Amino acid sequence: MKLCYDFLPLLLFFATYKLYGIFVATGVAIATIVLQVGFLYLRGKKPEIMQWITLAMVSLLGGATLFFRNELFIKWKPTAVYWLLGLVFAISQAVSKKNLVQKMLEKSLSLPAKGWALLNTSWYTFFFIMGALNLAVASWFDTDTWVNFKLFGTLGFTLFFALIQGALISRFLSPTLKEEENTHS
């Protein structure tokens, strides 16, 4: 259910773009994220950091798209989010005993320090690469191609990357943990 909730702005953006174009789709994306954050507050829940980042970037760059009637700003939004996340993950590794990935996953996963560092490094590298890839698609291809890439391409790359992360993590799991994982499958 959470996955559907997280993908709702993207799905509505995609559907609205196909029906009404980039400017209406941008307005729908802004409105959807504002409503999601507002809905969380009404339910007494605190929005996650990713929701705040998305809200800020969509409002800023989506607002610029609508104000200047220039679709380039909304096309930069994924890159801005990816690079901001990459920067946060990289800084967390440089300045803290526990990097961001470890802080997020340590309750459900036990890895040695080297494993946490490698996992965090792979995530911020992925974010920087995805940001650059988004810029390339936004710059070299038409808006239809970019919108399709935004939904299908980034989703595909993210799923593939997550699978690679599973293989990476398995290298650091103890043999008994691996056996337990296999018996639960």
N, C-alpha and C. Protein backbone atom coordinates (compact mmCIF):
# COMPACT_ATOMS: atom_id res chain seq x y z
N MET A 1 0.82 -1.19 0.00
CA MET A 1 0.00 0.00 0.00
C MET A 1 0.87 1.26 0.00
N LYS A 2 1.94 1.24 0.81
CA LYS A 2 2.83 2.39 0.88
C LYS A 2 3.47 2.66 -0.48
N LEU A 3 3.80 1.58 -1.20
CA LEU A 3 4.41 1.73 -2.52
C LEU A 3 3.47 2.47 -3.47
N CYS A 4 2.19 2.13 -3.44
CA CYS A 4 1.20 2.83 -4.27
C CYS A 4 1.11 4.30 -3.88
N TYR A 5 1.12 4.55 -2.57
CA TYR A 5 1.05 5.91 -2.06
C TYR A 5 2.26 6.72 -2.53
N ASP A 6 3.45 6.10 -2.47
CA ASP A 6 4.67 6.78 -2.88
C ASP A 6 4.72 7.06 -4.38
N PHE A 7 4.14 6.16 -5.16
CA PHE A 7 4.17 6.31 -6.61
C PHE A 7 2.99 7.11 -7.17
N LEU A 8 2.03 7.46 -6.33
CA LEU A 8 0.85 8.17 -6.79
C LEU A 8 1.17 9.46 -7.55
N PRO A 9 2.03 10.35 -7.03
CA PRO A 9 2.33 11.57 -7.80
C PRO A 9 2.92 11.27 -9.18
N LEU A 10 3.80 10.28 -9.25
CA LEU A 10 4.42 9.92 -10.53
C LEU A 10 3.38 9.35 -11.49
N LEU A 11 2.53 8.47 -10.99
CA LEU A 11 1.51 7.87 -11.85
C LEU A 11 0.50 8.91 -12.35
N LEU A 12 0.09 9.81 -11.46
CA LEU A 12 -0.83 10.87 -11.87
C LEU A 12 -0.15 11.84 -12.84
N PHE A 13 1.12 12.14 -12.61
CA PHE A 13 1.88 12.98 -13.53
C PHE A 13 1.89 12.33 -14.92
N PHE A 14 2.22 11.05 -14.96
CA PHE A 14 2.31 10.32 -16.23
C PHE A 14 0.96 10.32 -16.96
N ALA A 15 -0.10 9.93 -16.25
CA ALA A 15 -1.43 9.86 -16.87
C ALA A 15 -1.90 11.24 -17.34
N THR A 16 -1.69 12.24 -16.51
CA THR A 16 -2.12 13.59 -16.88
C THR A 16 -1.32 14.13 -18.05
N TYR A 17 -0.02 13.83 -18.08
CA TYR A 17 0.80 14.26 -19.21
C TYR A 17 0.27 13.67 -20.51
N LYS A 18 -0.05 12.38 -20.48
CA LYS A 18 -0.53 11.71 -21.70
C LYS A 18 -1.85 12.32 -22.19
N LEU A 19 -2.68 12.79 -21.25
CA LEU A 19 -3.99 13.35 -21.62
C LEU A 19 -3.96 14.85 -21.89
N TYR A 20 -3.18 15.60 -21.09
CA TYR A 20 -3.30 17.07 -21.14
C TYR A 20 -1.98 17.83 -21.35
N GLY A 21 -0.85 17.15 -21.30
CA GLY A 21 0.41 17.83 -21.53
C GLY A 21 1.20 18.11 -20.26
N ILE A 22 2.38 18.65 -20.45
CA ILE A 22 3.36 18.81 -19.37
C ILE A 22 2.94 19.82 -18.32
N PHE A 23 2.29 20.90 -18.70
CA PHE A 23 1.97 21.94 -17.73
C PHE A 23 0.85 21.51 -16.79
N VAL A 24 -0.18 20.89 -17.31
CA VAL A 24 -1.25 20.37 -16.45
C VAL A 24 -0.69 19.26 -15.56
N ALA A 25 0.12 18.39 -16.15
CA ALA A 25 0.73 17.29 -15.38
C ALA A 25 1.59 17.82 -14.25
N THR A 26 2.31 18.89 -14.50
CA THR A 26 3.14 19.51 -13.46
C THR A 26 2.26 20.04 -12.33
N GLY A 27 1.18 20.70 -12.66
CA GLY A 27 0.25 21.20 -11.64
C GLY A 27 -0.35 20.06 -10.82
N VAL A 28 -0.69 18.97 -11.49
CA VAL A 28 -1.25 17.80 -10.80
C VAL A 28 -0.20 17.20 -9.85
N ALA A 29 1.04 17.13 -10.29
CA ALA A 29 2.11 16.59 -9.43
C ALA A 29 2.28 17.45 -8.18
N ILE A 30 2.30 18.75 -8.36
CA ILE A 30 2.45 19.65 -7.20
C ILE A 30 1.27 19.46 -6.25
N ALA A 31 0.06 19.49 -6.80
CA ALA A 31 -1.13 19.36 -5.97
C ALA A 31 -1.17 18.01 -5.24
N THR A 32 -0.78 16.94 -5.93
CA THR A 32 -0.81 15.61 -5.32
C THR A 32 0.14 15.52 -4.13
N ILE A 33 1.34 16.05 -4.28
CA ILE A 33 2.31 15.97 -3.19
C ILE A 33 1.90 16.86 -2.03
N VAL A 34 1.38 18.03 -2.32
CA VAL A 34 0.88 18.92 -1.25
C VAL A 34 -0.25 18.22 -0.49
N LEU A 35 -1.17 17.59 -1.22
CA LEU A 35 -2.28 16.88 -0.59
C LEU A 35 -1.79 15.68 0.24
N GLN A 36 -0.79 14.96 -0.27
CA GLN A 36 -0.25 13.82 0.48
C GLN A 36 0.35 14.27 1.81
N VAL A 37 1.15 15.31 1.79
CA VAL A 37 1.76 15.81 3.02
C VAL A 37 0.68 16.34 3.96
N GLY A 38 -0.28 17.06 3.42
CA GLY A 38 -1.39 17.55 4.24
C GLY A 38 -2.20 16.42 4.85
N PHE A 39 -2.44 15.38 4.07
CA PHE A 39 -3.19 14.21 4.56
C PHE A 39 -2.45 13.54 5.71
N LEU A 40 -1.13 13.44 5.61
CA LEU A 40 -0.35 12.85 6.70
C LEU A 40 -0.52 13.67 7.98
N TYR A 41 -0.45 14.98 7.86
CA TYR A 41 -0.62 15.84 9.03
C TYR A 41 -2.01 15.70 9.64
N LEU A 42 -3.02 15.60 8.78
CA LEU A 42 -4.39 15.43 9.28
C LEU A 42 -4.55 14.12 10.05
N ARG A 43 -3.80 13.11 9.64
CA ARG A 43 -3.84 11.82 10.33
C ARG A 43 -2.89 11.77 11.53
N GLY A 44 -2.22 12.88 11.81
CA GLY A 44 -1.32 12.94 12.95
C GLY A 44 0.02 12.27 12.73
N LYS A 45 0.39 12.07 11.47
CA LYS A 45 1.66 11.42 11.15
C LYS A 45 2.64 12.45 10.62
N LYS A 46 3.89 12.17 10.82
CA LYS A 46 4.96 13.06 10.36
C LYS A 46 5.45 12.59 8.98
N PRO A 47 5.47 13.48 7.99
CA PRO A 47 5.99 13.10 6.67
C PRO A 47 7.47 12.68 6.76
N GLU A 48 7.84 11.74 5.91
CA GLU A 48 9.22 11.27 5.85
C GLU A 48 10.08 12.32 5.14
N ILE A 49 11.38 12.24 5.36
CA ILE A 49 12.32 13.21 4.77
C ILE A 49 12.21 13.22 3.25
N MET A 50 12.03 12.05 2.65
CA MET A 50 11.92 11.97 1.19
C MET A 50 10.69 12.72 0.70
N GLN A 51 9.61 12.68 1.46
CA GLN A 51 8.41 13.43 1.07
C GLN A 51 8.65 14.93 1.14
N TRP A 52 9.40 15.37 2.14
CA TRP A 52 9.74 16.79 2.24
C TRP A 52 10.62 17.23 1.08
N ILE A 53 11.60 16.41 0.75
CA ILE A 53 12.50 16.74 -0.37
C ILE A 53 11.71 16.81 -1.67
N THR A 54 10.85 15.81 -1.88
CA THR A 54 10.05 15.80 -3.10
C THR A 54 9.11 17.00 -3.15
N LEU A 55 8.47 17.30 -2.03
CA LEU A 55 7.58 18.46 -1.97
C LEU A 55 8.34 19.74 -2.31
N ALA A 56 9.51 19.92 -1.73
CA ALA A 56 10.29 21.13 -1.98
C ALA A 56 10.72 21.23 -3.46
N MET A 57 11.23 20.13 -3.99
CA MET A 57 11.73 20.16 -5.37
C MET A 57 10.59 20.30 -6.39
N VAL A 58 9.49 19.58 -6.16
CA VAL A 58 8.37 19.69 -7.10
C VAL A 58 7.76 21.08 -7.02
N SER A 59 7.64 21.62 -5.83
CA SER A 59 7.07 22.96 -5.69
C SER A 59 7.96 24.00 -6.34
N LEU A 60 9.25 23.92 -6.07
CA LEU A 60 10.20 24.90 -6.61
C LEU A 60 10.33 24.77 -8.13
N LEU A 61 10.71 23.58 -8.59
CA LEU A 61 10.96 23.42 -10.03
C LEU A 61 9.67 23.30 -10.83
N GLY A 62 8.65 22.67 -10.24
CA GLY A 62 7.35 22.64 -10.91
C GLY A 62 6.74 24.03 -10.99
N GLY A 63 6.89 24.78 -9.90
CA GLY A 63 6.41 26.17 -9.91
C GLY A 63 7.11 27.00 -10.95
N ALA A 64 8.42 26.80 -11.08
CA ALA A 64 9.18 27.52 -12.11
C ALA A 64 8.72 27.11 -13.51
N THR A 65 8.41 25.83 -13.69
CA THR A 65 7.90 25.35 -14.98
C THR A 65 6.61 26.08 -15.34
N LEU A 66 5.71 26.17 -14.37
CA LEU A 66 4.42 26.82 -14.62
C LEU A 66 4.56 28.33 -14.79
N PHE A 67 5.38 28.94 -13.95
CA PHE A 67 5.55 30.39 -14.00
C PHE A 67 6.20 30.84 -15.31
N PHE A 68 7.28 30.16 -15.69
CA PHE A 68 8.02 30.55 -16.89
C PHE A 68 7.51 29.83 -18.16
N ARG A 69 6.55 28.91 -17.99
CA ARG A 69 6.05 28.09 -19.09
C ARG A 69 7.20 27.43 -19.83
N ASN A 70 8.10 26.84 -19.04
CA ASN A 70 9.29 26.18 -19.57
C ASN A 70 9.41 24.81 -18.91
N GLU A 71 9.23 23.76 -19.68
CA GLU A 71 9.24 22.40 -19.15
C GLU A 71 10.60 21.93 -18.66
N LEU A 72 11.63 22.66 -18.99
CA LEU A 72 12.98 22.25 -18.58
C LEU A 72 13.11 22.16 -17.06
N PHE A 73 12.45 23.05 -16.33
CA PHE A 73 12.57 23.04 -14.86
C PHE A 73 12.05 21.75 -14.25
N ILE A 74 10.89 21.27 -14.69
CA ILE A 74 10.35 20.03 -14.13
C ILE A 74 11.21 18.84 -14.55
N LYS A 75 11.83 18.94 -15.70
CA LYS A 75 12.73 17.87 -16.13
C LYS A 75 13.98 17.79 -15.25
N TRP A 76 14.36 18.90 -14.65
CA TRP A 76 15.52 18.91 -13.75
C TRP A 76 15.20 18.35 -12.37
N LYS A 77 13.92 18.27 -12.02
CA LYS A 77 13.51 17.85 -10.68
C LYS A 77 14.09 16.50 -10.27
N PRO A 78 13.99 15.44 -11.10
CA PRO A 78 14.58 14.17 -10.67
C PRO A 78 16.08 14.27 -10.41
N THR A 79 16.78 15.02 -11.24
CA THR A 79 18.22 15.19 -11.04
C THR A 79 18.49 15.90 -9.71
N ALA A 80 17.74 16.95 -9.44
CA ALA A 80 17.92 17.68 -8.18
C ALA A 80 17.69 16.77 -6.98
N VAL A 81 16.63 15.95 -7.04
CA VAL A 81 16.34 15.03 -5.93
C VAL A 81 17.43 13.98 -5.82
N TYR A 82 17.80 13.36 -6.93
CA TYR A 82 18.85 12.34 -6.90
C TYR A 82 20.16 12.90 -6.36
N TRP A 83 20.57 14.05 -6.85
CA TRP A 83 21.85 14.60 -6.41
C TRP A 83 21.81 15.07 -4.97
N LEU A 84 20.69 15.60 -4.53
CA LEU A 84 20.57 15.97 -3.12
C LEU A 84 20.66 14.74 -2.23
N LEU A 85 19.95 13.68 -2.60
CA LEU A 85 20.04 12.43 -1.83
C LEU A 85 21.45 11.86 -1.86
N GLY A 86 22.07 11.86 -3.03
CA GLY A 86 23.44 11.37 -3.13
C GLY A 86 24.39 12.14 -2.23
N LEU A 87 24.22 13.45 -2.20
CA LEU A 87 25.05 14.30 -1.36
C LEU A 87 24.82 13.99 0.12
N VAL A 88 23.57 13.82 0.52
CA VAL A 88 23.25 13.51 1.92
C VAL A 88 23.85 12.17 2.31
N PHE A 89 23.73 11.16 1.45
CA PHE A 89 24.30 9.85 1.74
C PHE A 89 25.83 9.92 1.83
N ALA A 90 26.45 10.65 0.92
CA ALA A 90 27.92 10.78 0.92
C ALA A 90 28.40 11.52 2.18
N ILE A 91 27.73 12.59 2.52
CA ILE A 91 28.13 13.35 3.71
C ILE A 91 27.93 12.52 4.97
N SER A 92 26.85 11.75 5.02
CA SER A 92 26.60 10.93 6.21
C SER A 92 27.74 9.95 6.45
N GLN A 93 28.31 9.46 5.37
CA GLN A 93 29.42 8.51 5.50
C GLN A 93 30.69 9.21 5.95
N ALA A 94 30.85 10.45 5.54
CA ALA A 94 32.08 11.18 5.85
C ALA A 94 32.08 11.75 7.27
N VAL A 95 30.92 12.09 7.81
CA VAL A 95 30.88 12.81 9.09
C VAL A 95 30.29 12.04 10.26
N SER A 96 29.78 10.84 10.02
CA SER A 96 29.10 10.13 11.09
C SER A 96 29.66 8.72 11.25
N LYS A 97 29.59 8.21 12.47
CA LYS A 97 30.00 6.82 12.71
C LYS A 97 29.11 5.86 11.94
N LYS A 98 27.82 6.20 11.88
CA LYS A 98 26.85 5.38 11.16
C LYS A 98 26.36 6.18 9.95
N ASN A 99 26.57 5.60 8.75
CA ASN A 99 26.08 6.29 7.56
C ASN A 99 24.55 6.17 7.48
N LEU A 100 23.98 6.86 6.53
CA LEU A 100 22.52 6.95 6.43
C LEU A 100 21.86 5.59 6.17
N VAL A 101 22.46 4.77 5.32
CA VAL A 101 21.89 3.45 5.04
C VAL A 101 21.86 2.62 6.33
N GLN A 102 22.92 2.69 7.10
CA GLN A 102 22.96 1.93 8.36
C GLN A 102 21.89 2.43 9.32
N LYS A 103 21.74 3.73 9.43
CA LYS A 103 20.72 4.28 10.32
C LYS A 103 19.32 3.84 9.90
N MET A 104 19.10 3.71 8.59
CA MET A 104 17.78 3.35 8.10
C MET A 104 17.50 1.84 8.23
N LEU A 105 18.55 1.02 8.11
CA LEU A 105 18.33 -0.43 8.00
C LEU A 105 18.86 -1.27 9.15
N GLU A 106 19.57 -0.68 10.10
CA GLU A 106 20.24 -1.49 11.11
C GLU A 106 19.29 -2.28 12.01
N LYS A 107 18.04 -1.87 12.13
CA LYS A 107 17.09 -2.62 12.95
C LYS A 107 16.67 -3.92 12.26
N SER A 108 16.77 -3.96 10.94
CA SER A 108 16.35 -5.16 10.23
C SER A 108 17.50 -5.91 9.56
N LEU A 109 18.71 -5.38 9.65
CA LEU A 109 19.84 -5.99 8.96
C LEU A 109 21.11 -5.77 9.77
N SER A 110 21.92 -6.80 9.87
CA SER A 110 23.18 -6.69 10.60
C SER A 110 24.34 -6.90 9.62
N LEU A 111 25.16 -5.87 9.48
CA LEU A 111 26.31 -5.94 8.59
C LEU A 111 27.54 -5.41 9.32
N PRO A 112 28.73 -5.85 8.90
CA PRO A 112 29.94 -5.25 9.45
C PRO A 112 30.12 -3.83 8.90
N ALA A 113 30.98 -3.07 9.52
CA ALA A 113 31.20 -1.68 9.11
C ALA A 113 31.54 -1.57 7.62
N LYS A 114 32.36 -2.50 7.13
CA LYS A 114 32.75 -2.48 5.71
C LYS A 114 31.51 -2.68 4.81
N GLY A 115 30.60 -3.53 5.23
CA GLY A 115 29.38 -3.77 4.47
C GLY A 115 28.49 -2.54 4.42
N TRP A 116 28.35 -1.87 5.58
CA TRP A 116 27.53 -0.65 5.62
C TRP A 116 28.15 0.42 4.73
N ALA A 117 29.48 0.56 4.79
CA ALA A 117 30.16 1.58 3.97
C ALA A 117 29.98 1.29 2.48
N LEU A 118 30.12 0.03 2.09
CA LEU A 118 29.97 -0.34 0.69
C LEU A 118 28.54 -0.12 0.22
N LEU A 119 27.58 -0.48 1.05
CA LEU A 119 26.17 -0.30 0.71
C LEU A 119 25.83 1.18 0.55
N ASN A 120 26.29 1.99 1.48
CA ASN A 120 26.04 3.43 1.41
C ASN A 120 26.71 4.05 0.18
N THR A 121 27.94 3.65 -0.08
CA THR A 121 28.67 4.16 -1.25
C THR A 121 27.94 3.79 -2.54
N SER A 122 27.45 2.56 -2.60
CA SER A 122 26.75 2.16 -3.82
C SER A 122 25.47 2.97 -4.00
N TRP A 123 24.78 3.31 -2.90
CA TRP A 123 23.56 4.11 -3.03
C TRP A 123 23.87 5.53 -3.49
N TYR A 124 24.87 6.19 -2.90
CA TYR A 124 25.10 7.56 -3.36
C TYR A 124 25.67 7.59 -4.77
N THR A 125 26.40 6.56 -5.15
CA THR A 125 26.88 6.47 -6.53
C THR A 125 25.70 6.30 -7.48
N PHE A 126 24.77 5.43 -7.11
CA PHE A 126 23.56 5.22 -7.91
C PHE A 126 22.80 6.53 -8.07
N PHE A 127 22.63 7.28 -6.98
CA PHE A 127 21.90 8.55 -7.06
C PHE A 127 22.59 9.53 -8.00
N PHE A 128 23.91 9.64 -7.92
CA PHE A 128 24.62 10.56 -8.80
C PHE A 128 24.51 10.14 -10.27
N ILE A 129 24.61 8.83 -10.53
CA ILE A 129 24.49 8.33 -11.91
C ILE A 129 23.08 8.55 -12.44
N MET A 130 22.07 8.26 -11.63
CA MET A 130 20.68 8.45 -12.07
C MET A 130 20.39 9.93 -12.35
N GLY A 131 20.96 10.82 -11.54
CA GLY A 131 20.79 12.25 -11.80
C GLY A 131 21.39 12.65 -13.13
N ALA A 132 22.58 12.14 -13.42
CA ALA A 132 23.24 12.45 -14.69
C ALA A 132 22.46 11.84 -15.86
N LEU A 133 21.97 10.63 -15.68
CA LEU A 133 21.20 9.98 -16.73
C LEU A 133 19.91 10.74 -17.02
N ASN A 134 19.24 11.21 -15.97
CA ASN A 134 18.03 12.02 -16.17
C ASN A 134 18.35 13.29 -16.97
N LEU A 135 19.45 13.95 -16.61
CA LEU A 135 19.84 15.15 -17.36
C LEU A 135 20.10 14.85 -18.82
N ALA A 136 20.75 13.72 -19.08
CA ALA A 136 21.04 13.34 -20.47
C ALA A 136 19.74 13.11 -21.25
N VAL A 137 18.82 12.36 -20.66
CA VAL A 137 17.55 12.09 -21.35
C VAL A 137 16.76 13.39 -21.52
N ALA A 138 16.73 14.22 -20.49
CA ALA A 138 15.99 15.49 -20.57
C ALA A 138 16.59 16.42 -21.62
N SER A 139 17.89 16.37 -21.79
CA SER A 139 18.57 17.28 -22.72
C SER A 139 18.57 16.79 -24.16
N TRP A 140 18.70 15.49 -24.36
CA TRP A 140 18.91 14.96 -25.70
C TRP A 140 17.67 14.36 -26.35
N PHE A 141 16.59 14.21 -25.59
CA PHE A 141 15.39 13.57 -26.14
C PHE A 141 14.18 14.49 -25.94
N ASP A 142 13.12 14.17 -26.67
CA ASP A 142 11.89 14.96 -26.56
C ASP A 142 11.18 14.67 -25.23
N THR A 143 10.17 15.46 -24.94
CA THR A 143 9.47 15.37 -23.66
C THR A 143 8.76 14.03 -23.51
N ASP A 144 8.17 13.50 -24.58
CA ASP A 144 7.52 12.18 -24.50
C ASP A 144 8.50 11.11 -24.03
N THR A 145 9.69 11.11 -24.62
CA THR A 145 10.70 10.13 -24.24
C THR A 145 11.11 10.33 -22.79
N TRP A 146 11.29 11.58 -22.38
CA TRP A 146 11.68 11.85 -20.99
C TRP A 146 10.60 11.37 -20.01
N VAL A 147 9.35 11.65 -20.29
CA VAL A 147 8.26 11.22 -19.40
C VAL A 147 8.23 9.69 -19.30
N ASN A 148 8.38 9.00 -20.42
CA ASN A 148 8.42 7.54 -20.40
C ASN A 148 9.63 7.04 -19.62
N PHE A 149 10.77 7.68 -19.82
CA PHE A 149 11.96 7.30 -19.06
C PHE A 149 11.76 7.54 -17.57
N LYS A 150 11.12 8.65 -17.24
CA LYS A 150 10.89 9.00 -15.83
C LYS A 150 10.09 7.91 -15.12
N LEU A 151 9.11 7.35 -15.80
CA LEU A 151 8.31 6.30 -15.17
C LEU A 151 8.96 4.93 -15.34
N PHE A 152 9.18 4.52 -16.56
CA PHE A 152 9.62 3.15 -16.81
C PHE A 152 11.13 2.95 -16.67
N GLY A 153 11.90 3.89 -17.17
CA GLY A 153 13.36 3.77 -17.12
C GLY A 153 13.89 3.83 -15.70
N THR A 154 13.46 4.86 -14.96
CA THR A 154 13.98 4.98 -13.60
C THR A 154 13.49 3.84 -12.71
N LEU A 155 12.26 3.40 -12.92
CA LEU A 155 11.75 2.26 -12.16
C LEU A 155 12.55 1.00 -12.46
N GLY A 156 12.81 0.76 -13.74
CA GLY A 156 13.61 -0.41 -14.14
C GLY A 156 15.02 -0.36 -13.58
N PHE A 157 15.68 0.78 -13.70
CA PHE A 157 17.04 0.89 -13.16
C PHE A 157 17.05 0.71 -11.64
N THR A 158 16.05 1.26 -10.97
CA THR A 158 15.99 1.15 -9.51
C THR A 158 15.76 -0.29 -9.08
N LEU A 159 14.87 -1.00 -9.75
CA LEU A 159 14.65 -2.41 -9.42
C LEU A 159 15.90 -3.25 -9.68
N PHE A 160 16.55 -3.00 -10.79
CA PHE A 160 17.79 -3.71 -11.10
C PHE A 160 18.86 -3.42 -10.05
N PHE A 161 18.97 -2.16 -9.66
CA PHE A 161 19.94 -1.78 -8.65
C PHE A 161 19.63 -2.44 -7.31
N ALA A 162 18.36 -2.51 -6.95
CA ALA A 162 17.95 -3.16 -5.70
C ALA A 162 18.34 -4.64 -5.70
N LEU A 163 18.20 -5.30 -6.83
CA LEU A 163 18.62 -6.70 -6.94
C LEU A 163 20.13 -6.84 -6.73
N ILE A 164 20.87 -5.93 -7.32
CA ILE A 164 22.33 -5.93 -7.13
C ILE A 164 22.67 -5.73 -5.65
N GLN A 165 21.90 -4.87 -4.98
CA GLN A 165 22.13 -4.62 -3.55
C GLN A 165 21.91 -5.89 -2.73
N GLY A 166 20.91 -6.67 -3.11
CA GLY A 166 20.67 -7.94 -2.43
C GLY A 166 21.88 -8.86 -2.53
N ALA A 167 22.46 -8.93 -3.72
CA ALA A 167 23.67 -9.75 -3.90
C ALA A 167 24.84 -9.18 -3.11
N LEU A 168 24.95 -7.87 -3.09
CA LEU A 168 26.01 -7.21 -2.33
C LEU A 168 25.89 -7.49 -0.84
N ILE A 169 24.69 -7.37 -0.32
CA ILE A 169 24.45 -7.61 1.10
C ILE A 169 24.72 -9.07 1.47
N SER A 170 24.34 -9.99 0.59
CA SER A 170 24.49 -11.42 0.90
C SER A 170 25.95 -11.79 1.14
N ARG A 171 26.87 -11.06 0.56
CA ARG A 171 28.30 -11.33 0.80
C ARG A 171 28.69 -11.13 2.26
N PHE A 172 27.96 -10.26 2.96
CA PHE A 172 28.31 -9.91 4.32
C PHE A 172 27.47 -10.63 5.38
N LEU A 173 26.47 -11.39 4.94
CA LEU A 173 25.65 -12.10 5.91
C LEU A 173 26.39 -13.32 6.44
N SER A 174 26.18 -13.62 7.70
CA SER A 174 26.82 -14.79 8.29
C SER A 174 26.18 -16.05 7.72
N PRO A 175 26.88 -17.19 7.73
CA PRO A 175 26.31 -18.43 7.18
C PRO A 175 24.99 -18.82 7.85
N THR A 176 24.85 -18.60 9.15
CA THR A 176 23.59 -18.96 9.82
C THR A 176 22.45 -18.05 9.38
N LEU A 177 22.76 -16.79 9.16
CA LEU A 177 21.74 -15.87 8.66
C LEU A 177 21.30 -16.27 7.26
N LYS A 178 22.26 -16.68 6.42
CA LYS A 178 21.93 -17.11 5.06
C LYS A 178 21.04 -18.34 5.10
N GLU A 179 21.32 -19.28 6.00
CA GLU A 179 20.50 -20.49 6.13
C GLU A 179 19.09 -20.12 6.56
N GLU A 180 18.97 -19.19 7.52
CA GLU A 180 17.66 -18.75 7.97
C GLU A 180 16.88 -18.09 6.83
N GLU A 181 17.57 -17.29 6.03
CA GLU A 181 16.93 -16.63 4.90
C GLU A 181 16.40 -17.68 3.91
N ASN A 182 17.19 -18.74 3.67
CA ASN A 182 16.80 -19.77 2.71
C ASN A 182 15.61 -20.58 3.23
N THR A 183 15.52 -20.83 4.52
CA THR A 183 14.41 -21.61 5.06
C THR A 183 13.10 -20.80 5.07
N HIS A 184 13.21 -19.49 5.08
CA HIS A 184 12.02 -18.65 5.06
C HIS A 184 11.52 -18.40 3.64
N SER A 185 12.31 -18.73 2.65
CA SER A 185 11.93 -18.48 1.25
C SER A 185 10.96 -19.51 0.74
